[in-house]
N, C-alpha and C. Protein backbone atom coordinates (compact mmCIF):
# COMPACT_ATOMS: atom_id res chain seq x y z
N MET A 1 0.84 -1.19 0.00
CA MET A 1 0.00 0.00 0.00
C MET A 1 0.88 1.24 0.00
N VAL A 2 0.54 2.21 -0.85
CA VAL A 2 1.30 3.45 -0.95
C VAL A 2 0.44 4.58 -0.41
N VAL A 3 1.02 5.40 0.47
CA VAL A 3 0.30 6.51 1.05
C VAL A 3 0.71 7.79 0.34
N ASP A 4 -0.28 8.57 -0.11
CA ASP A 4 -0.05 9.83 -0.78
C ASP A 4 0.73 10.77 0.15
N GLN A 5 1.68 11.53 -0.43
CA GLN A 5 2.52 12.41 0.38
C GLN A 5 1.70 13.48 1.10
N ASP A 6 0.66 13.98 0.45
CA ASP A 6 -0.20 14.98 1.10
C ASP A 6 -0.89 14.39 2.32
N ILE A 7 -1.32 13.14 2.20
CA ILE A 7 -1.95 12.48 3.34
C ILE A 7 -0.93 12.32 4.47
N PHE A 8 0.27 11.88 4.11
CA PHE A 8 1.31 11.69 5.12
C PHE A 8 1.60 13.00 5.84
N ASN A 9 1.74 14.10 5.08
CA ASN A 9 2.01 15.39 5.70
C ASN A 9 0.88 15.83 6.62
N SER A 10 -0.37 15.55 6.20
CA SER A 10 -1.51 15.91 7.04
C SER A 10 -1.50 15.12 8.34
N VAL A 11 -1.13 13.84 8.25
CA VAL A 11 -1.07 13.02 9.46
C VAL A 11 0.02 13.52 10.40
N ILE A 12 1.18 13.88 9.86
CA ILE A 12 2.26 14.40 10.68
C ILE A 12 1.81 15.66 11.41
N GLN A 13 1.15 16.58 10.68
CA GLN A 13 0.65 17.80 11.31
C GLN A 13 -0.35 17.47 12.40
N TRP A 14 -1.22 16.51 12.12
CA TRP A 14 -2.24 16.12 13.10
C TRP A 14 -1.59 15.58 14.37
N ARG A 15 -0.66 14.66 14.19
CA ARG A 15 -0.03 14.02 15.34
C ARG A 15 0.77 15.02 16.17
N ARG A 16 1.32 16.03 15.51
CA ARG A 16 2.10 17.04 16.23
C ARG A 16 1.23 18.18 16.73
N LYS A 17 -0.08 18.07 16.51
CA LYS A 17 -1.03 19.07 16.98
C LYS A 17 -0.78 20.44 16.35
N ASP A 18 -0.27 20.45 15.08
CA ASP A 18 -0.09 21.71 14.39
C ASP A 18 -1.42 22.32 13.98
N ARG A 19 -2.46 21.54 13.99
CA ARG A 19 -3.79 22.04 13.69
C ARG A 19 -4.75 21.43 14.71
N PRO A 20 -5.76 22.18 15.11
CA PRO A 20 -6.68 21.65 16.13
C PRO A 20 -7.52 20.52 15.57
N PRO A 21 -7.85 19.52 16.38
CA PRO A 21 -8.73 18.45 15.93
C PRO A 21 -10.15 18.95 15.78
N PRO A 22 -10.95 18.29 14.95
CA PRO A 22 -12.35 18.69 14.85
C PRO A 22 -13.09 18.39 16.15
N THR A 23 -14.14 19.13 16.38
CA THR A 23 -14.98 18.90 17.56
C THR A 23 -16.43 18.74 17.10
N TRP A 24 -17.21 18.11 17.95
CA TRP A 24 -18.65 18.04 17.73
C TRP A 24 -19.33 18.49 19.01
N ARG A 25 -20.12 19.56 18.89
CA ARG A 25 -20.76 20.17 20.05
C ARG A 25 -19.74 20.49 21.15
N GLY A 26 -18.56 20.91 20.70
CA GLY A 26 -17.52 21.35 21.61
C GLY A 26 -16.65 20.24 22.18
N ILE A 27 -16.89 18.98 21.78
CA ILE A 27 -16.14 17.84 22.31
C ILE A 27 -15.19 17.33 21.23
N GLU A 28 -13.92 17.11 21.60
CA GLU A 28 -12.91 16.67 20.64
C GLU A 28 -13.24 15.29 20.07
N CYS A 29 -13.04 15.16 18.75
CA CYS A 29 -13.35 13.91 18.05
C CYS A 29 -12.13 13.04 17.78
N GLN A 30 -10.95 13.62 17.64
CA GLN A 30 -9.73 12.88 17.35
C GLN A 30 -9.83 12.07 16.05
N GLN A 31 -10.52 12.61 15.07
CA GLN A 31 -10.64 11.97 13.76
C GLN A 31 -10.41 13.04 12.69
N PHE A 32 -9.97 12.60 11.51
CA PHE A 32 -9.94 13.52 10.38
C PHE A 32 -11.38 13.82 9.95
N PRO A 33 -11.66 15.04 9.50
CA PRO A 33 -13.01 15.35 9.03
C PRO A 33 -13.52 14.40 7.95
N ALA A 34 -12.63 13.96 7.05
CA ALA A 34 -13.07 13.03 5.99
C ALA A 34 -13.55 11.71 6.58
N ASP A 35 -12.92 11.27 7.66
CA ASP A 35 -13.34 10.02 8.31
C ASP A 35 -14.68 10.20 9.01
N LEU A 36 -14.86 11.33 9.69
CA LEU A 36 -16.14 11.61 10.33
C LEU A 36 -17.26 11.66 9.29
N TRP A 37 -16.97 12.29 8.17
CA TRP A 37 -17.96 12.38 7.08
C TRP A 37 -18.34 10.98 6.59
N ARG A 38 -17.33 10.13 6.42
CA ARG A 38 -17.59 8.76 5.96
C ARG A 38 -18.46 8.01 6.98
N TYR A 39 -18.19 8.20 8.27
CA TYR A 39 -19.00 7.53 9.29
C TYR A 39 -20.46 7.94 9.19
N THR A 40 -20.70 9.24 9.03
CA THR A 40 -22.09 9.69 8.96
C THR A 40 -22.78 9.14 7.71
N GLU A 41 -22.07 9.12 6.59
CA GLU A 41 -22.66 8.57 5.37
C GLU A 41 -22.93 7.08 5.50
N LEU A 42 -22.02 6.35 6.16
CA LEU A 42 -22.25 4.93 6.39
C LEU A 42 -23.50 4.71 7.23
N CYS A 43 -23.70 5.55 8.22
CA CYS A 43 -24.90 5.42 9.05
C CYS A 43 -26.16 5.61 8.22
N PHE A 44 -26.18 6.62 7.35
CA PHE A 44 -27.36 6.86 6.54
C PHE A 44 -27.56 5.79 5.48
N THR A 45 -26.45 5.22 4.98
CA THR A 45 -26.56 4.16 3.96
C THR A 45 -26.95 2.83 4.58
N LEU A 46 -26.28 2.47 5.67
CA LEU A 46 -26.50 1.16 6.28
C LEU A 46 -27.71 1.12 7.21
N ARG A 47 -28.05 2.28 7.79
CA ARG A 47 -29.09 2.34 8.83
C ARG A 47 -28.88 1.23 9.85
N PRO A 48 -27.70 1.22 10.49
CA PRO A 48 -27.35 0.10 11.37
C PRO A 48 -28.19 0.11 12.64
N PRO A 49 -28.50 -1.06 13.19
CA PRO A 49 -29.21 -1.11 14.46
C PRO A 49 -28.33 -0.62 15.61
N PHE A 50 -27.02 -0.62 15.38
CA PHE A 50 -26.10 -0.11 16.39
C PHE A 50 -24.77 0.25 15.74
N VAL A 51 -24.04 1.11 16.43
CA VAL A 51 -22.63 1.37 16.13
C VAL A 51 -21.85 0.98 17.37
N ILE A 52 -20.84 0.14 17.22
CA ILE A 52 -19.93 -0.19 18.31
C ILE A 52 -18.65 0.61 18.09
N GLU A 53 -18.32 1.46 19.04
CA GLU A 53 -17.10 2.25 18.96
C GLU A 53 -16.16 1.80 20.07
N VAL A 54 -15.12 1.07 19.70
CA VAL A 54 -14.12 0.61 20.66
C VAL A 54 -13.06 1.70 20.77
N GLY A 55 -12.98 2.35 21.92
CA GLY A 55 -12.07 3.46 22.12
C GLY A 55 -12.79 4.77 21.88
N ALA A 56 -13.39 5.34 22.92
CA ALA A 56 -14.22 6.54 22.77
C ALA A 56 -13.49 7.82 23.12
N SER A 57 -12.42 7.74 23.89
CA SER A 57 -11.64 8.91 24.30
C SER A 57 -12.55 9.98 24.91
N TYR A 58 -12.52 11.20 24.35
CA TYR A 58 -13.29 12.31 24.92
C TYR A 58 -14.79 12.20 24.63
N GLY A 59 -15.17 11.42 23.63
CA GLY A 59 -16.57 11.20 23.34
C GLY A 59 -17.17 12.04 22.23
N GLY A 60 -16.35 12.84 21.54
CA GLY A 60 -16.89 13.68 20.47
C GLY A 60 -17.46 12.87 19.32
N THR A 61 -16.74 11.84 18.89
CA THR A 61 -17.23 10.99 17.80
C THR A 61 -18.45 10.21 18.25
N SER A 62 -18.46 9.75 19.49
CA SER A 62 -19.62 9.03 20.03
C SER A 62 -20.86 9.92 19.96
N LEU A 63 -20.71 11.16 20.37
CA LEU A 63 -21.83 12.10 20.38
C LEU A 63 -22.31 12.39 18.96
N LEU A 64 -21.38 12.57 18.03
CA LEU A 64 -21.74 12.80 16.63
C LEU A 64 -22.55 11.62 16.09
N LEU A 65 -22.06 10.40 16.32
CA LEU A 65 -22.75 9.22 15.80
C LEU A 65 -24.13 9.07 16.43
N ALA A 66 -24.24 9.36 17.73
CA ALA A 66 -25.55 9.29 18.38
C ALA A 66 -26.51 10.31 17.79
N ASP A 67 -26.02 11.51 17.50
CA ASP A 67 -26.87 12.52 16.87
C ASP A 67 -27.33 12.07 15.48
N VAL A 68 -26.41 11.46 14.72
CA VAL A 68 -26.76 10.99 13.38
C VAL A 68 -27.83 9.89 13.46
N LEU A 69 -27.66 8.95 14.39
CA LEU A 69 -28.67 7.90 14.54
C LEU A 69 -30.00 8.50 14.98
N GLY A 70 -29.94 9.58 15.77
CA GLY A 70 -31.17 10.27 16.13
C GLY A 70 -31.87 10.86 14.93
N LEU A 71 -31.11 11.41 13.99
CA LEU A 71 -31.70 11.94 12.76
C LEU A 71 -32.33 10.83 11.92
N ILE A 72 -31.67 9.68 11.89
CA ILE A 72 -32.20 8.54 11.16
C ILE A 72 -33.46 8.00 11.85
N GLY A 73 -33.46 8.08 13.18
CA GLY A 73 -34.61 7.62 13.94
C GLY A 73 -34.51 6.20 14.43
N GLU A 74 -33.31 5.64 14.39
CA GLU A 74 -33.11 4.28 14.87
C GLU A 74 -31.65 4.05 15.19
N GLY A 75 -31.39 3.06 16.06
CA GLY A 75 -30.02 2.67 16.35
C GLY A 75 -29.48 3.27 17.64
N THR A 76 -28.44 2.60 18.17
CA THR A 76 -27.79 3.01 19.42
C THR A 76 -26.28 2.91 19.24
N VAL A 77 -25.55 3.82 19.85
CA VAL A 77 -24.09 3.77 19.87
C VAL A 77 -23.67 3.10 21.16
N TYR A 78 -22.89 2.02 21.04
CA TYR A 78 -22.31 1.34 22.19
C TYR A 78 -20.80 1.62 22.17
N THR A 79 -20.32 2.34 23.17
CA THR A 79 -18.89 2.60 23.25
C THR A 79 -18.24 1.67 24.27
N VAL A 80 -16.98 1.34 24.00
CA VAL A 80 -16.19 0.51 24.91
C VAL A 80 -14.89 1.23 25.18
N ASP A 81 -14.64 1.54 26.44
CA ASP A 81 -13.40 2.23 26.81
C ASP A 81 -13.11 1.94 28.28
N VAL A 82 -11.85 2.07 28.66
CA VAL A 82 -11.50 1.85 30.06
C VAL A 82 -11.92 3.02 30.93
N ASN A 83 -12.27 4.15 30.30
CA ASN A 83 -12.76 5.32 31.01
C ASN A 83 -14.10 5.75 30.44
N ARG A 84 -14.93 6.37 31.26
CA ARG A 84 -16.22 6.89 30.80
C ARG A 84 -16.02 8.30 30.24
N ALA A 85 -16.51 8.54 29.04
CA ALA A 85 -16.41 9.87 28.42
C ALA A 85 -17.45 10.81 29.04
N PRO A 86 -17.14 12.10 29.11
CA PRO A 86 -18.05 13.06 29.74
C PRO A 86 -19.15 13.53 28.80
N VAL A 87 -19.86 12.59 28.19
CA VAL A 87 -20.96 12.93 27.28
C VAL A 87 -22.16 12.03 27.59
N THR A 88 -23.34 12.55 27.30
CA THR A 88 -24.56 11.76 27.46
C THR A 88 -25.46 11.99 26.25
N HIS A 89 -26.26 10.98 25.95
CA HIS A 89 -27.19 11.07 24.82
C HIS A 89 -28.17 9.91 24.96
N PRO A 90 -29.43 10.11 24.60
CA PRO A 90 -30.40 9.02 24.70
C PRO A 90 -30.05 7.79 23.87
N ARG A 91 -29.26 7.97 22.82
CA ARG A 91 -28.89 6.86 21.95
C ARG A 91 -27.45 6.39 22.18
N LEU A 92 -26.89 6.72 23.35
CA LEU A 92 -25.51 6.36 23.67
C LEU A 92 -25.47 5.54 24.94
N VAL A 93 -24.82 4.36 24.86
CA VAL A 93 -24.60 3.50 26.02
C VAL A 93 -23.09 3.28 26.13
N GLN A 94 -22.53 3.64 27.28
CA GLN A 94 -21.08 3.50 27.48
C GLN A 94 -20.79 2.26 28.32
N LEU A 95 -19.96 1.36 27.78
CA LEU A 95 -19.48 0.20 28.51
C LEU A 95 -18.05 0.49 28.96
N VAL A 96 -17.79 0.37 30.24
CA VAL A 96 -16.47 0.69 30.78
C VAL A 96 -15.73 -0.60 31.10
N GLY A 97 -14.56 -0.77 30.48
CA GLY A 97 -13.77 -1.97 30.70
C GLY A 97 -12.86 -2.25 29.53
N ASP A 98 -12.08 -3.30 29.64
CA ASP A 98 -11.18 -3.73 28.56
C ASP A 98 -12.01 -4.33 27.44
N SER A 99 -11.74 -3.92 26.23
CA SER A 99 -12.53 -4.36 25.07
C SER A 99 -12.47 -5.86 24.85
N THR A 100 -11.42 -6.52 25.35
CA THR A 100 -11.28 -7.96 25.13
C THR A 100 -11.71 -8.79 26.34
N SER A 101 -12.21 -8.14 27.39
CA SER A 101 -12.62 -8.88 28.58
C SER A 101 -13.91 -9.65 28.33
N ASP A 102 -14.06 -10.76 29.02
CA ASP A 102 -15.26 -11.58 28.87
C ASP A 102 -16.52 -10.79 29.23
N ASP A 103 -16.44 -9.98 30.30
CA ASP A 103 -17.62 -9.23 30.73
C ASP A 103 -18.11 -8.27 29.65
N VAL A 104 -17.17 -7.53 29.05
CA VAL A 104 -17.55 -6.55 28.03
C VAL A 104 -18.07 -7.26 26.78
N VAL A 105 -17.36 -8.28 26.31
CA VAL A 105 -17.78 -8.97 25.09
C VAL A 105 -19.13 -9.65 25.29
N ASN A 106 -19.35 -10.24 26.46
CA ASN A 106 -20.66 -10.86 26.72
C ASN A 106 -21.78 -9.82 26.72
N GLU A 107 -21.49 -8.64 27.26
CA GLU A 107 -22.51 -7.58 27.25
C GLU A 107 -22.81 -7.13 25.83
N ILE A 108 -21.77 -7.03 25.00
CA ILE A 108 -21.99 -6.68 23.59
C ILE A 108 -22.84 -7.73 22.91
N HIS A 109 -22.58 -8.99 23.18
CA HIS A 109 -23.39 -10.07 22.60
C HIS A 109 -24.87 -9.88 22.96
N GLN A 110 -25.13 -9.56 24.21
CA GLN A 110 -26.51 -9.37 24.64
C GLN A 110 -27.15 -8.17 23.96
N LEU A 111 -26.39 -7.08 23.84
CA LEU A 111 -26.93 -5.87 23.22
C LEU A 111 -27.14 -6.05 21.72
N ALA A 112 -26.22 -6.76 21.07
CA ALA A 112 -26.35 -6.97 19.62
C ALA A 112 -27.51 -7.90 19.29
N ALA A 113 -27.78 -8.85 20.16
CA ALA A 113 -28.94 -9.75 20.00
C ALA A 113 -28.99 -10.39 18.62
N GLY A 114 -27.83 -10.85 18.12
CA GLY A 114 -27.80 -11.55 16.85
C GLY A 114 -27.79 -10.65 15.63
N ARG A 115 -27.77 -9.34 15.84
CA ARG A 115 -27.77 -8.39 14.70
C ARG A 115 -26.35 -7.95 14.38
N ARG A 116 -26.21 -7.27 13.24
CA ARG A 116 -24.92 -6.71 12.84
C ARG A 116 -25.08 -5.22 12.55
N GLY A 117 -24.00 -4.48 12.78
CA GLY A 117 -24.03 -3.05 12.54
C GLY A 117 -22.68 -2.53 12.07
N LEU A 118 -22.40 -1.29 12.45
CA LEU A 118 -21.13 -0.63 12.11
C LEU A 118 -20.21 -0.74 13.32
N VAL A 119 -18.98 -1.25 13.10
CA VAL A 119 -18.02 -1.44 14.18
C VAL A 119 -16.75 -0.66 13.87
N LEU A 120 -16.32 0.15 14.85
CA LEU A 120 -15.12 0.97 14.73
C LEU A 120 -14.12 0.52 15.78
N LEU A 121 -12.95 0.05 15.36
CA LEU A 121 -11.92 -0.41 16.28
C LEU A 121 -10.85 0.66 16.46
N ASP A 122 -10.86 1.30 17.63
CA ASP A 122 -9.92 2.39 17.90
C ASP A 122 -9.43 2.30 19.35
N GLY A 123 -9.19 1.07 19.82
CA GLY A 123 -8.72 0.88 21.19
C GLY A 123 -7.21 0.83 21.25
N ASP A 124 -6.68 -0.08 22.05
CA ASP A 124 -5.25 -0.32 22.15
C ASP A 124 -4.72 -0.66 20.75
N HIS A 125 -3.67 0.09 20.31
CA HIS A 125 -3.20 -0.05 18.93
C HIS A 125 -2.08 -1.07 18.75
N HIS A 126 -1.68 -1.77 19.78
CA HIS A 126 -0.68 -2.82 19.57
C HIS A 126 -1.27 -3.92 18.69
N ALA A 127 -0.46 -4.43 17.78
CA ALA A 127 -0.95 -5.40 16.80
C ALA A 127 -1.61 -6.60 17.46
N GLU A 128 -1.03 -7.08 18.55
CA GLU A 128 -1.58 -8.26 19.21
C GLU A 128 -2.99 -7.99 19.74
N HIS A 129 -3.19 -6.80 20.28
CA HIS A 129 -4.50 -6.45 20.83
C HIS A 129 -5.52 -6.25 19.71
N VAL A 130 -5.12 -5.57 18.64
CA VAL A 130 -6.02 -5.37 17.50
C VAL A 130 -6.43 -6.71 16.90
N ALA A 131 -5.50 -7.66 16.83
CA ALA A 131 -5.82 -8.98 16.29
C ALA A 131 -6.91 -9.66 17.11
N VAL A 132 -6.84 -9.54 18.43
CA VAL A 132 -7.87 -10.12 19.29
C VAL A 132 -9.20 -9.41 19.07
N GLU A 133 -9.17 -8.07 18.99
CA GLU A 133 -10.41 -7.31 18.74
C GLU A 133 -11.04 -7.68 17.41
N LEU A 134 -10.22 -7.91 16.40
CA LEU A 134 -10.76 -8.31 15.10
C LEU A 134 -11.55 -9.62 15.22
N ASP A 135 -11.00 -10.57 15.93
CA ASP A 135 -11.70 -11.85 16.11
C ASP A 135 -12.98 -11.68 16.93
N LEU A 136 -12.93 -10.84 17.95
CA LEU A 136 -14.06 -10.70 18.85
C LEU A 136 -15.19 -9.85 18.28
N TYR A 137 -14.84 -8.80 17.54
CA TYR A 137 -15.85 -7.82 17.14
C TYR A 137 -16.30 -7.92 15.69
N SER A 138 -15.52 -8.58 14.84
CA SER A 138 -15.94 -8.69 13.44
C SER A 138 -17.28 -9.42 13.27
N PRO A 139 -17.63 -10.40 14.12
CA PRO A 139 -18.94 -11.03 13.94
C PRO A 139 -20.12 -10.06 14.12
N PHE A 140 -19.90 -8.91 14.77
CA PHE A 140 -20.96 -7.93 14.98
C PHE A 140 -21.06 -6.93 13.83
N ALA A 141 -20.21 -7.06 12.81
CA ALA A 141 -20.06 -6.00 11.81
C ALA A 141 -20.63 -6.37 10.45
N ASP A 142 -21.49 -5.51 9.94
CA ASP A 142 -21.75 -5.48 8.51
C ASP A 142 -20.72 -4.59 7.82
N TYR A 143 -20.22 -3.62 8.59
CA TYR A 143 -19.14 -2.76 8.11
C TYR A 143 -18.18 -2.58 9.28
N LEU A 144 -16.87 -2.75 9.00
CA LEU A 144 -15.84 -2.76 10.04
C LEU A 144 -14.74 -1.78 9.65
N VAL A 145 -14.38 -0.90 10.59
CA VAL A 145 -13.29 0.05 10.34
C VAL A 145 -12.17 -0.23 11.34
N VAL A 146 -11.01 -0.61 10.81
CA VAL A 146 -9.81 -0.77 11.63
C VAL A 146 -9.09 0.58 11.58
N GLU A 147 -9.14 1.30 12.69
CA GLU A 147 -8.68 2.68 12.69
C GLU A 147 -7.17 2.80 12.89
N ASP A 148 -6.64 3.95 12.44
CA ASP A 148 -5.24 4.33 12.63
C ASP A 148 -4.25 3.39 11.98
N THR A 149 -4.62 2.79 10.85
CA THR A 149 -3.65 2.01 10.07
C THR A 149 -2.52 2.90 9.55
N ILE A 150 -2.75 4.21 9.54
CA ILE A 150 -1.72 5.16 9.09
C ILE A 150 -0.47 5.11 9.96
N MET A 151 -0.60 4.54 11.17
CA MET A 151 0.54 4.44 12.07
C MET A 151 1.71 3.68 11.45
N GLU A 152 1.42 2.84 10.48
CA GLU A 152 2.47 2.07 9.79
C GLU A 152 3.54 2.99 9.21
N TRP A 153 3.14 4.22 8.82
CA TRP A 153 4.07 5.13 8.15
C TRP A 153 4.61 6.21 9.07
N LEU A 154 4.29 6.14 10.35
CA LEU A 154 4.80 7.13 11.29
C LEU A 154 5.95 6.52 12.08
N PRO A 155 7.12 7.12 12.03
CA PRO A 155 8.30 6.49 12.65
C PRO A 155 8.15 6.26 14.15
N GLU A 156 7.37 7.12 14.81
CA GLU A 156 7.21 6.94 16.25
C GLU A 156 6.15 5.90 16.61
N PHE A 157 5.37 5.45 15.59
CA PHE A 157 4.31 4.47 15.84
C PHE A 157 4.35 3.37 14.77
N PRO A 158 5.41 2.60 14.68
CA PRO A 158 5.48 1.60 13.61
C PRO A 158 4.49 0.45 13.84
N GLY A 159 3.96 -0.07 12.73
CA GLY A 159 3.13 -1.26 12.81
C GLY A 159 1.80 -1.02 13.46
N GLY A 160 1.39 -1.95 14.28
CA GLY A 160 0.13 -1.79 15.00
C GLY A 160 -1.07 -2.30 14.23
N PRO A 161 -2.09 -1.48 14.07
CA PRO A 161 -3.35 -1.94 13.48
C PRO A 161 -3.19 -2.53 12.08
N LEU A 162 -2.35 -1.94 11.24
CA LEU A 162 -2.21 -2.45 9.88
C LEU A 162 -1.56 -3.83 9.88
N ASP A 163 -0.59 -4.04 10.75
CA ASP A 163 0.03 -5.36 10.85
C ASP A 163 -1.02 -6.42 11.21
N ALA A 164 -1.85 -6.08 12.19
CA ALA A 164 -2.90 -7.02 12.60
C ALA A 164 -3.88 -7.28 11.47
N LEU A 165 -4.29 -6.22 10.76
CA LEU A 165 -5.25 -6.37 9.67
C LEU A 165 -4.68 -7.20 8.53
N ASN A 166 -3.42 -6.95 8.17
CA ASN A 166 -2.80 -7.69 7.07
C ASN A 166 -2.69 -9.18 7.39
N ALA A 167 -2.48 -9.51 8.65
CA ALA A 167 -2.39 -10.92 9.04
C ALA A 167 -3.78 -11.57 9.11
N TRP A 168 -4.80 -10.79 9.45
CA TRP A 168 -6.15 -11.31 9.69
C TRP A 168 -6.97 -11.43 8.40
N LEU A 169 -6.86 -10.47 7.53
CA LEU A 169 -7.78 -10.36 6.39
C LEU A 169 -7.72 -11.54 5.42
N PRO A 170 -6.55 -12.11 5.09
CA PRO A 170 -6.54 -13.21 4.11
C PRO A 170 -7.39 -14.41 4.52
N SER A 171 -7.57 -14.62 5.79
CA SER A 171 -8.38 -15.76 6.23
C SER A 171 -9.83 -15.37 6.53
N HIS A 172 -10.22 -14.16 6.11
CA HIS A 172 -11.59 -13.69 6.34
C HIS A 172 -12.16 -13.09 5.05
N PRO A 173 -12.45 -13.97 4.08
CA PRO A 173 -12.98 -13.48 2.80
C PRO A 173 -14.38 -12.90 2.92
N GLU A 174 -15.00 -13.01 4.10
CA GLU A 174 -16.32 -12.41 4.28
C GLU A 174 -16.25 -10.88 4.34
N PHE A 175 -15.01 -10.32 4.36
CA PHE A 175 -14.84 -8.87 4.35
C PHE A 175 -14.03 -8.45 3.14
N THR A 176 -14.47 -7.36 2.51
CA THR A 176 -13.81 -6.79 1.35
C THR A 176 -13.39 -5.37 1.69
N VAL A 177 -12.18 -4.98 1.27
CA VAL A 177 -11.68 -3.64 1.55
C VAL A 177 -12.36 -2.64 0.62
N ASP A 178 -12.96 -1.62 1.21
CA ASP A 178 -13.56 -0.52 0.45
C ASP A 178 -12.49 0.50 0.08
N PRO A 179 -12.74 1.34 -0.94
CA PRO A 179 -11.82 2.45 -1.20
C PRO A 179 -11.77 3.40 -0.01
N ASP A 180 -10.62 4.06 0.16
CA ASP A 180 -10.53 5.06 1.21
C ASP A 180 -11.43 6.24 0.86
N PRO A 181 -11.93 6.96 1.87
CA PRO A 181 -12.84 8.07 1.59
C PRO A 181 -12.17 9.18 0.80
N ILE A 182 -12.93 9.78 -0.08
CA ILE A 182 -12.47 10.92 -0.89
C ILE A 182 -13.49 12.04 -0.71
N PRO A 183 -13.14 13.29 -0.43
CA PRO A 183 -11.74 13.72 -0.31
C PRO A 183 -11.12 13.27 1.00
N GLY A 184 -9.80 13.10 0.98
CA GLY A 184 -9.06 12.67 2.15
C GLY A 184 -8.56 13.85 2.92
N PRO A 185 -7.64 13.67 3.82
CA PRO A 185 -6.98 12.39 4.08
C PRO A 185 -7.76 11.52 5.05
N THR A 186 -7.34 10.28 5.17
CA THR A 186 -7.91 9.36 6.15
C THR A 186 -6.82 8.87 7.08
N GLN A 187 -7.19 8.63 8.31
CA GLN A 187 -6.24 8.02 9.24
C GLN A 187 -6.27 6.50 9.14
N HIS A 188 -7.16 5.97 8.31
CA HIS A 188 -7.38 4.52 8.28
C HIS A 188 -7.21 3.94 6.88
N PRO A 189 -6.10 4.22 6.18
CA PRO A 189 -5.96 3.70 4.81
C PRO A 189 -6.00 2.17 4.79
N GLY A 190 -6.87 1.64 3.92
CA GLY A 190 -7.00 0.19 3.81
C GLY A 190 -7.80 -0.44 4.93
N GLY A 191 -8.29 0.37 5.87
CA GLY A 191 -8.98 -0.16 7.04
C GLY A 191 -10.49 -0.14 6.97
N TRP A 192 -11.06 0.19 5.79
CA TRP A 192 -12.51 0.29 5.61
C TRP A 192 -13.00 -1.02 5.00
N LEU A 193 -13.71 -1.83 5.78
CA LEU A 193 -14.05 -3.20 5.35
C LEU A 193 -15.56 -3.39 5.32
N ARG A 194 -16.05 -3.84 4.18
CA ARG A 194 -17.48 -4.12 4.01
C ARG A 194 -17.70 -5.63 3.97
N ARG A 195 -18.72 -6.09 4.67
CA ARG A 195 -19.02 -7.51 4.63
C ARG A 195 -19.47 -7.91 3.24
N THR A 196 -18.94 -9.02 2.74
CA THR A 196 -19.26 -9.53 1.41
C THR A 196 -20.50 -10.43 1.52
N PRO A 197 -21.65 -10.02 0.97
CA PRO A 197 -22.89 -10.75 1.22
C PRO A 197 -22.85 -12.22 0.82
N GLU A 198 -22.15 -12.53 -0.27
CA GLU A 198 -22.19 -13.90 -0.79
C GLU A 198 -21.24 -14.86 -0.08
N VAL A 199 -20.44 -14.34 0.86
CA VAL A 199 -19.48 -15.20 1.58
C VAL A 199 -19.97 -15.41 3.00
N PRO A 200 -20.18 -16.67 3.40
CA PRO A 200 -20.62 -16.93 4.77
C PRO A 200 -19.58 -16.48 5.79
N GLY A 201 -20.05 -16.12 6.98
CA GLY A 201 -19.11 -15.74 8.02
C GLY A 201 -19.71 -14.75 8.97
């Protein structure tokens, strides 16, 4: 995979905080605007019964997604983080704990109730942890985003999510890589995965 130089420069500026991150209702999102735009469009296209956001941080993206589901009139955002974000919304449920713990995963199973939705993986970025999250959370996804694959090209953050995805994807033909969002840049190059309807899984 080749990353456009403009995208790389934008990521460097972002990581060094040379430009402020986008906010939603005053809460930091920690996402590129193009990625946030893609999330909202996916919600309107897929009309998911839920969005699972692993790694909520300040809660800006959680709040945006909950607002979007409110506009659609259906769906709930389930966040998973070791800390509770300082946001509330009628369509937002925060699960506090390790994303790979039995308690959290069992609760997600109960909330999903056999359905599939939009899943965003933005927790611990070590490749080993992302690999476990892929196995645990992909069954809940009609659309799966492995976030921050751009770390592969940042010298201070080598590997991580992209390494895990590259090792996992060949044995999971039920997912197909979508094109990266345009206009960019995206923090998740190659990390946009759509479930392939004709492949069981």
